[in-house]
Every structure is written in structure tokens, then in C-alpha cells.
Amino acid sequence: MTNSDYLLKAAIKKVTEKLNEILVEKIEEATNIAQDTPEILKKEFDNLKESIIEEASKMEKTEDIQNDENTYTFKNSKIKKALNEIEGINKQIDVINKKMNNQI
């Protein structure tokens, strides 16, 4: 074998090793992100839920001052319905999180 043959084989070997190293590193990063994603989504959804509840409460208080008791009851039931829907979505997210955790 000539020197250029050895150089070519060495180059191919080192490039292959480096690509494998990078690939393993990126797979580990993707795995970590995939594991953290359900928690991140749940936290973001919980923050959104709290924000919606706070805003609904503010709106309810403003409306209560301006409206009579019948309107208040109607608005309160709408808020309860919205909160129930939010809770249902939360449960669906929990199910998805559990499924994703079981797959990993």
C-alpha cells in the first residue's frame, strides 16, 4: 500500500468516527428533549389554565358589578363549563404524557 492509500483510509476512518460521535450526541439530545417535552407542555398548559381562570375571574367581577343576579348565574355557569373543558383537556394531556413516557 502507498502512503496515499493509508491517508485515504485514515481519513475515512476518522470521518466515520466523528460522524458516529455526532450522531450519538444528537440522538441523546433528542431523547432528552423528548423526555422533557410532556412536562414542558403540562407546565405551559397549567400556566395557560391559571391565566384563563384569572382573566375569567376579572371579567366576571367586572360584569357582576354591571349586571343583575340572573346574568351573574349565567356567566358563572359558563365559567364552570369552560373550567370543565379545561380539566378534560388536562386529563387528555396526562394520558398523552403517560403514553409518551411508556414509549421511551
Protein backbone atom coordinates (compact mmCIF):
# COMPACT_ATOMS: atom_id res chain seq x y z
CA MET A 1 0.00 0.00 0.00
CA THR A 2 1.16 3.51 -0.71
CA ASN A 3 1.18 6.49 1.62
CA SER A 4 -1.83 8.00 -0.14
CA ASP A 5 -3.78 4.76 0.40
CA TYR A 6 -3.06 4.94 4.15
CA LEU A 7 -4.01 8.62 4.21
CA LEU A 8 -7.27 7.91 2.44
CA LYS A 9 -8.14 5.00 4.77
CA ALA A 10 -7.19 7.05 7.84
CA ALA A 11 -9.32 9.97 6.63
CA ILE A 12 -12.32 7.74 6.01
CA LYS A 13 -11.90 6.09 9.43
CA LYS A 14 -11.64 9.42 11.29
CA VAL A 15 -14.56 11.00 9.42
CA THR A 16 -16.70 7.93 10.14
CA GLU A 17 -15.77 8.03 13.84
CA LYS A 18 -16.57 11.75 14.05
CA LEU A 19 -19.93 11.31 12.27
CA ASN A 20 -20.84 8.44 14.62
CA GLU A 21 -19.88 10.57 17.63
CA ILE A 22 -22.00 13.48 16.40
CA LEU A 23 -24.92 11.16 15.61
CA VAL A 24 -24.87 9.59 19.08
CA GLU A 25 -24.68 13.04 20.68
CA LYS A 26 -27.64 14.33 18.66
CA ILE A 27 -29.70 11.22 19.42
CA GLU A 28 -29.03 11.74 23.14
CA GLU A 29 -30.09 15.40 22.85
CA ALA A 30 -33.27 14.43 21.01
CA THR A 31 -34.06 11.81 23.65
CA ASN A 32 -33.62 14.32 26.45
CA ILE A 33 -35.85 16.82 24.67
CA ALA A 34 -38.47 14.14 24.02
CA GLN A 35 -38.45 13.17 27.70
CA ASP A 36 -38.81 16.78 28.85
CA THR A 37 -41.49 17.73 26.31
CA PRO A 38 -44.51 16.28 28.18
CA GLU A 39 -43.51 18.10 31.37
CA ILE A 40 -42.90 21.34 29.50
CA LEU A 41 -46.26 21.08 27.74
CA LYS A 42 -48.04 20.32 31.01
CA LYS A 43 -46.41 23.31 32.75
CA GLU A 44 -47.27 25.61 29.86
CA PHE A 45 -50.84 24.34 29.77
CA ASP A 46 -51.16 24.75 33.55
CA ASN A 47 -49.87 28.33 33.26
CA LEU A 48 -52.35 29.00 30.46
CA LYS A 49 -55.15 27.46 32.54
CA GLU A 50 -54.29 29.68 35.53
CA SER A 51 -54.12 32.73 33.29
CA ILE A 52 -57.52 31.92 31.76
CA ILE A 53 -59.05 31.41 35.21
CA GLU A 54 -57.62 34.71 36.45
CA GLU A 55 -58.89 36.56 33.39
CA ALA A 56 -62.30 34.91 33.69
CA SER A 57 -62.46 35.98 37.33
CA LYS A 58 -61.56 39.55 36.43
CA MET A 59 -64.15 39.60 33.68
CA GLU A 60 -66.72 38.04 35.98
CA LYS A 61 -66.13 40.67 38.67
CA THR A 62 -66.44 43.47 36.13
CA GLU A 63 -69.62 42.00 34.71
CA ASP A 64 -71.07 41.33 38.17
CA ILE A 65 -70.93 45.00 39.02
CA GLN A 66 -72.83 45.92 35.86
CA ASN A 67 -75.35 43.07 35.66
CA ASP A 68 -78.18 41.70 37.79
CA GLU A 69 -78.29 38.31 39.60
CA ASN A 70 -79.66 36.35 36.61
CA THR A 71 -76.81 37.43 34.38
CA TYR A 72 -74.32 36.55 37.13
CA THR A 73 -75.67 33.00 37.37
CA PHE A 74 -75.48 32.61 33.59
CA LYS A 75 -71.85 33.86 33.44
CA ASN A 76 -70.86 31.67 36.39
CA SER A 77 -72.22 28.57 34.64
CA LYS A 78 -70.28 29.50 31.50
CA ILE A 79 -67.08 29.76 33.53
CA LYS A 80 -67.77 26.40 35.16
CA LYS A 81 -68.32 24.87 31.72
CA ALA A 82 -65.05 26.36 30.45
CA LEU A 83 -63.19 25.08 33.51
CA ASN A 84 -64.66 21.61 33.00
CA GLU A 85 -63.48 21.65 29.39
CA ILE A 86 -60.02 22.77 30.51
CA GLU A 87 -59.91 19.95 33.03
CA GLY A 88 -60.85 17.47 30.30
CA ILE A 89 -58.03 18.75 28.12
CA ASN A 90 -55.67 18.46 31.09
CA LYS A 91 -56.66 14.82 31.52
CA GLN A 92 -56.04 14.16 27.83
CA ILE A 93 -52.58 15.72 28.13
CA ASP A 94 -51.84 13.46 31.12
CA VAL A 95 -52.85 10.41 29.08
CA ILE A 96 -50.61 11.52 26.20
CA ASN A 97 -47.74 12.14 28.62
CA LYS A 98 -48.11 8.65 30.09
CA LYS A 99 -48.18 7.09 26.63
CA MET A 100 -45.08 9.03 25.55
CA ASN A 101 -43.23 8.07 28.74
CA ASN A 102 -44.11 4.41 28.21
CA GLN A 103 -42.78 4.51 24.64
CA ILE A 104 -39.42 5.96 25.65
